[in-house]
Amino acid sequence: MKQFMNIIVFALLSIGFATAYADDPLMTPGQVQACNINPGASMNDVNAILADARHWLTAEGHNFDMWMAMPHYKPANGYDFDFLLIGFWPSHADEMSGLQSFYTTNAGQKLGADMQQVMTCATQHVNNVEVRPSIVAKLESAFGYMFDCKLEKGKGPSDVNAAFQGWNAYLDANNISHGVTAMFPSYGANEERTGTFKFLWGGDFENVGKSTAFLANTDAMATWTKLTQKTYTCDNFSRGYVFQRISAL
């Protein structure tokens, strides 16, 4: 079973991808975990252990913005997990400090063991680019979507960020206020070699209806295609989630 904040092998690989992205001011590290509740455990147990995780992060002074994402609608196919844990570090130095504390201190090791009793998670480490900062006040809960995307040949994270600026201007002109993060797989991952990444879109419950209605109109879809088609393409399967913040930076 994989522990929260991933397996020991990551610590050995981290020097490679941290070096690869350390000089890119756009990139911050994070992780996405697809988790299943263990037999005999319940969501009450999950909530209790995540409260312990929040307490540990706060007590140790670790800057880790962690969210639980519950599928808004879970069809029979396409979801092989009960929930997601999504987290962001402000820097690779913060990430390494947090991982070291998690794996080498008694409190961190106990938290990992307790979490393994409740949930089993598969982890993907990512490097994030906040392509559209949210203009809404800092949220404790949110609604959002995740999209699978693929880079065009020769394109990378900086190109995605540059292409998104035109889209941001279009959204600003139409008073659309959601935030968007592009999540790229860590250096050396299979997804990194195939040029795939994910967009994570999120906003508060008050503006989500306005945003989704706007994004579905013909002009918005045509503008999106015109601005982005030479840099990346995304599928049309939007996975909706209800987000709850566990801990904040």
Protein backbone atom coordinates (compact mmCIF):
# COMPACT_ATOMS: atom_id res chain seq x y z
CA MET A 1 0.00 0.00 0.00
CA LYS A 2 1.16 3.52 -0.77
CA GLN A 3 1.49 6.04 2.01
CA PHE A 4 0.24 9.57 2.00
CA MET A 5 2.75 11.76 0.10
CA ASN A 6 3.85 8.67 -1.86
CA ILE A 7 6.48 5.98 -1.64
CA ILE A 8 10.14 6.08 -0.64
CA VAL A 9 11.23 5.68 -4.26
CA PHE A 10 10.03 9.23 -4.84
CA ALA A 11 12.65 10.54 -2.44
CA LEU A 12 15.34 8.95 -4.62
CA LEU A 13 13.87 10.33 -7.85
CA SER A 14 13.08 13.78 -6.50
CA ILE A 15 16.54 15.22 -7.11
CA GLY A 16 16.09 14.59 -10.82
CA PHE A 17 12.77 16.28 -11.39
CA ALA A 18 13.37 18.98 -8.79
CA THR A 19 16.50 19.99 -10.69
CA ALA A 20 14.65 19.84 -13.99
CA TYR A 21 12.01 22.31 -12.84
CA ALA A 22 13.77 24.28 -10.10
CA ASP A 23 14.72 27.07 -12.50
CA ASP A 24 11.19 27.34 -13.94
CA PRO A 25 9.39 30.00 -11.90
CA LEU A 26 6.05 28.77 -13.24
CA MET A 27 6.35 25.33 -11.66
CA THR A 28 5.34 24.30 -8.15
CA PRO A 29 5.23 20.67 -6.99
CA GLY A 30 2.13 18.75 -5.99
CA GLN A 31 0.43 15.38 -6.05
CA VAL A 32 -2.84 13.72 -6.95
CA GLN A 33 -3.91 10.60 -5.08
CA ALA A 34 -6.77 8.35 -6.14
CA CYS A 35 -7.94 6.68 -2.92
CA ASN A 36 -10.22 3.81 -1.98
CA ILE A 37 -11.61 3.28 1.49
CA ASN A 38 -10.33 0.01 2.98
CA PRO A 39 -12.78 -2.78 3.85
CA GLY A 40 -14.19 -2.21 7.31
CA ALA A 41 -13.46 1.52 7.24
CA SER A 42 -15.87 4.36 6.47
CA MET A 43 -15.91 8.02 5.45
CA ASN A 44 -16.06 8.86 9.15
CA ASP A 45 -12.67 7.17 9.53
CA VAL A 46 -11.35 9.05 6.48
CA ASN A 47 -12.50 12.39 7.88
CA ALA A 48 -10.92 11.59 11.24
CA ILE A 49 -7.54 10.67 9.77
CA LEU A 50 -7.53 13.73 7.51
CA ALA A 51 -8.15 15.86 10.60
CA ASP A 52 -5.06 14.18 12.08
CA ALA A 53 -3.14 14.99 8.88
CA ARG A 54 -4.20 18.63 9.10
CA HIS A 55 -3.08 18.77 12.73
CA TRP A 56 0.29 17.20 11.85
CA LEU A 57 0.91 19.61 8.97
CA THR A 58 0.06 22.58 11.19
CA ALA A 59 2.07 21.38 14.18
CA GLU A 60 5.13 20.69 12.00
CA GLY A 61 4.78 23.99 10.15
CA HIS A 62 4.53 22.41 6.68
CA ASN A 63 3.05 24.50 3.89
CA PHE A 64 0.84 22.05 2.03
CA ASP A 65 -2.47 23.08 0.47
CA MET A 66 -4.51 19.85 0.60
CA TRP A 67 -7.99 19.21 -0.77
CA MET A 68 -10.36 16.27 -0.83
CA ALA A 69 -12.27 15.92 -4.10
CA MET A 70 -15.46 13.83 -4.15
CA PRO A 71 -16.97 12.92 -7.54
CA HIS A 72 -20.13 14.95 -8.04
CA TYR A 73 -21.59 12.10 -10.06
CA LYS A 74 -19.97 8.69 -10.21
CA PRO A 75 -21.03 6.57 -13.20
CA ALA A 76 -20.54 2.83 -13.31
CA ASN A 77 -17.43 3.20 -15.49
CA GLY A 78 -14.57 5.69 -15.45
CA TYR A 79 -13.97 5.96 -11.72
CA ASP A 80 -11.99 3.28 -9.90
CA PHE A 81 -11.58 5.32 -6.72
CA ASP A 82 -13.76 6.68 -3.93
CA PHE A 83 -12.17 10.14 -3.70
CA LEU A 84 -9.11 12.17 -4.64
CA LEU A 85 -6.59 13.89 -2.40
CA ILE A 86 -4.95 16.80 -4.23
CA GLY A 87 -2.15 18.82 -2.69
CA PHE A 88 0.22 21.65 -3.62
CA TRP A 89 3.55 22.73 -2.14
CA PRO A 90 4.82 26.32 -2.60
CA SER A 91 8.30 25.08 -3.58
CA HIS A 92 10.42 21.96 -3.99
CA ALA A 93 12.30 22.89 -0.81
CA ASP A 94 9.02 22.81 1.13
CA GLU A 95 8.13 19.51 -0.48
CA MET A 96 11.44 17.88 0.46
CA SER A 97 11.18 19.19 4.02
CA GLY A 98 7.67 17.77 4.36
CA LEU A 99 8.58 14.38 2.92
CA GLN A 100 11.63 14.08 5.14
CA SER A 101 9.57 14.85 8.22
CA PHE A 102 6.84 12.43 7.17
CA TYR A 103 9.21 9.51 6.68
CA THR A 104 11.77 10.10 9.46
CA THR A 105 9.84 11.38 12.49
CA ASN A 106 7.78 9.26 14.85
CA ALA A 107 4.73 11.48 14.37
CA GLY A 108 4.99 11.33 10.58
CA GLN A 109 5.49 7.57 10.51
CA LYS A 110 2.53 7.04 12.84
CA LEU A 111 0.32 9.21 10.63
CA GLY A 112 1.36 7.19 7.58
CA ALA A 113 0.62 3.89 9.33
CA ASP A 114 -2.76 5.14 10.55
CA MET A 115 -3.70 6.30 7.06
CA GLN A 116 -2.82 2.92 5.61
CA GLN A 117 -5.35 1.34 7.96
CA VAL A 118 -8.12 3.51 6.51
CA MET A 119 -7.35 4.03 2.82
CA THR A 120 -5.31 2.74 -0.09
CA CYS A 121 -4.10 5.39 -2.53
CA ALA A 122 -2.31 5.45 -5.88
CA THR A 123 -0.22 8.60 -6.23
CA GLN A 124 0.94 10.70 -9.15
CA HIS A 125 3.40 13.50 -8.50
CA VAL A 126 2.80 16.58 -10.61
CA ASN A 127 4.32 19.97 -11.38
CA ASN A 128 1.75 22.73 -11.43
CA VAL A 129 1.34 25.95 -13.36
CA GLU A 130 -1.41 28.25 -12.12
CA VAL A 131 -2.49 29.50 -15.54
CA ARG A 132 -5.47 31.44 -14.17
CA PRO A 133 -5.44 32.61 -10.54
CA SER A 134 -8.87 32.72 -8.98
CA ILE A 135 -10.13 36.21 -8.26
CA VAL A 136 -12.54 34.91 -5.65
CA ALA A 137 -11.71 35.09 -1.93
CA LYS A 138 -9.82 32.08 -0.58
CA LEU A 139 -12.25 29.19 -0.50
CA GLU A 140 -12.74 26.37 1.99
CA SER A 141 -15.02 24.48 -0.40
CA ALA A 142 -15.46 24.64 -4.15
CA PHE A 143 -16.86 22.93 -7.21
CA GLY A 144 -14.70 22.10 -10.17
CA TYR A 145 -13.78 19.91 -13.11
CA MET A 146 -10.74 18.05 -14.38
CA PHE A 147 -9.87 17.62 -18.06
CA ASP A 148 -7.31 15.38 -19.78
CA CYS A 149 -5.18 17.23 -22.33
CA LYS A 150 -2.32 16.51 -24.71
CA LEU A 151 0.51 18.78 -25.82
CA GLU A 152 1.18 19.34 -29.49
CA LYS A 153 4.64 18.28 -30.68
CA GLY A 154 7.42 20.49 -29.34
CA LYS A 155 5.20 22.28 -26.82
CA GLY A 156 5.63 22.41 -23.04
CA PRO A 157 4.34 24.03 -19.85
CA SER A 158 5.55 27.53 -20.74
CA ASP A 159 3.68 27.32 -24.05
CA VAL A 160 0.51 26.27 -22.25
CA ASN A 161 0.82 29.22 -19.90
CA ALA A 162 1.44 31.62 -22.79
CA ALA A 163 -1.53 30.32 -24.80
CA PHE A 164 -3.76 30.61 -21.75
CA GLN A 165 -3.14 34.34 -21.39
CA GLY A 166 -5.28 35.08 -24.43
CA TRP A 167 -8.02 32.89 -22.96
CA ASN A 168 -7.68 34.73 -19.63
CA ALA A 169 -8.24 38.06 -21.35
CA TYR A 170 -11.36 36.65 -22.98
CA LEU A 171 -12.67 35.36 -19.63
CA ASP A 172 -11.89 38.65 -17.89
CA ALA A 173 -13.82 40.57 -20.55
CA ASN A 174 -16.81 38.36 -19.77
CA ASN A 175 -16.47 38.53 -15.96
CA ILE A 176 -15.73 34.81 -15.51
CA SER A 177 -13.89 34.33 -12.23
CA HIS A 178 -12.86 30.68 -11.84
CA GLY A 179 -9.25 29.60 -11.32
CA VAL A 180 -7.33 27.06 -13.43
CA THR A 181 -4.21 25.01 -12.70
CA ALA A 182 -2.35 22.95 -15.30
CA MET A 183 -0.92 19.79 -13.72
CA PHE A 184 2.01 18.22 -15.56
CA PRO A 185 3.33 14.78 -14.61
CA SER A 186 6.64 14.70 -12.78
CA TYR A 187 9.86 14.28 -14.71
CA GLY A 188 10.30 10.72 -16.03
CA ALA A 189 6.70 9.59 -15.54
CA ASN A 190 4.98 7.70 -18.38
CA GLU A 191 2.55 10.58 -18.83
CA GLU A 192 5.44 13.04 -19.15
CA ARG A 193 6.84 11.03 -22.05
CA THR A 194 3.48 11.03 -23.87
CA GLY A 195 2.96 14.77 -23.46
CA THR A 196 -0.27 14.53 -21.49
CA PHE A 197 -1.39 16.77 -18.64
CA LYS A 198 -4.55 17.81 -16.79
CA PHE A 199 -6.42 21.05 -16.28
CA LEU A 200 -7.99 21.52 -12.86
CA TRP A 201 -10.76 24.14 -12.93
CA GLY A 202 -12.41 25.36 -9.75
CA GLY A 203 -14.64 28.10 -8.40
CA ASP A 204 -17.18 28.79 -5.72
CA PHE A 205 -20.68 27.36 -5.88
CA GLU A 206 -22.23 30.74 -6.63
CA ASN A 207 -20.42 31.27 -9.94
CA VAL A 208 -20.10 27.69 -11.19
CA GLY A 209 -23.42 27.78 -13.02
CA LYS A 210 -22.55 31.03 -14.76
CA SER A 211 -19.11 29.73 -15.72
CA THR A 212 -20.25 26.39 -17.12
CA ALA A 213 -23.09 28.00 -19.09
CA PHE A 214 -20.67 30.52 -20.56
CA LEU A 215 -18.03 27.92 -21.46
CA ALA A 216 -20.63 25.81 -23.29
CA ASN A 217 -21.73 28.59 -25.64
CA THR A 218 -20.67 28.50 -29.29
CA ASP A 219 -18.50 31.63 -29.22
CA ALA A 220 -16.57 30.49 -26.13
CA MET A 221 -15.86 27.06 -27.64
CA ALA A 222 -14.70 28.61 -30.93
CA THR A 223 -12.46 31.10 -29.08
CA TRP A 224 -10.93 28.31 -26.97
CA THR A 225 -10.13 26.27 -30.08
CA LYS A 226 -8.62 29.24 -31.93
CA LEU A 227 -6.38 30.23 -29.02
CA THR A 228 -5.17 26.78 -27.98
CA GLN A 229 -5.27 24.31 -30.89
CA LYS A 230 -1.63 24.87 -31.87
CA THR A 231 -0.45 24.24 -28.32
CA TYR A 232 -2.70 21.52 -26.83
CA THR A 233 -6.01 19.72 -27.19
CA CYS A 234 -8.33 18.51 -24.43
CA ASP A 235 -11.01 15.83 -24.31
CA ASN A 236 -14.67 16.60 -23.76
CA PHE A 237 -15.09 14.30 -20.75
CA SER A 238 -15.36 16.67 -17.81
CA ARG A 239 -15.21 15.05 -14.39
CA GLY A 240 -17.04 17.14 -11.81
CA TYR A 241 -15.91 17.21 -8.18
CA VAL A 242 -16.95 18.80 -4.92
CA PHE A 243 -13.78 20.06 -3.19
CA GLN A 244 -13.19 20.49 0.51
CA ARG A 245 -10.00 22.08 1.81
CA ILE A 246 -8.17 19.96 4.39
CA SER A 247 -5.21 22.27 5.06
CA ALA A 248 -3.97 25.56 3.65
CA LEU A 249 -0.62 27.11 2.82
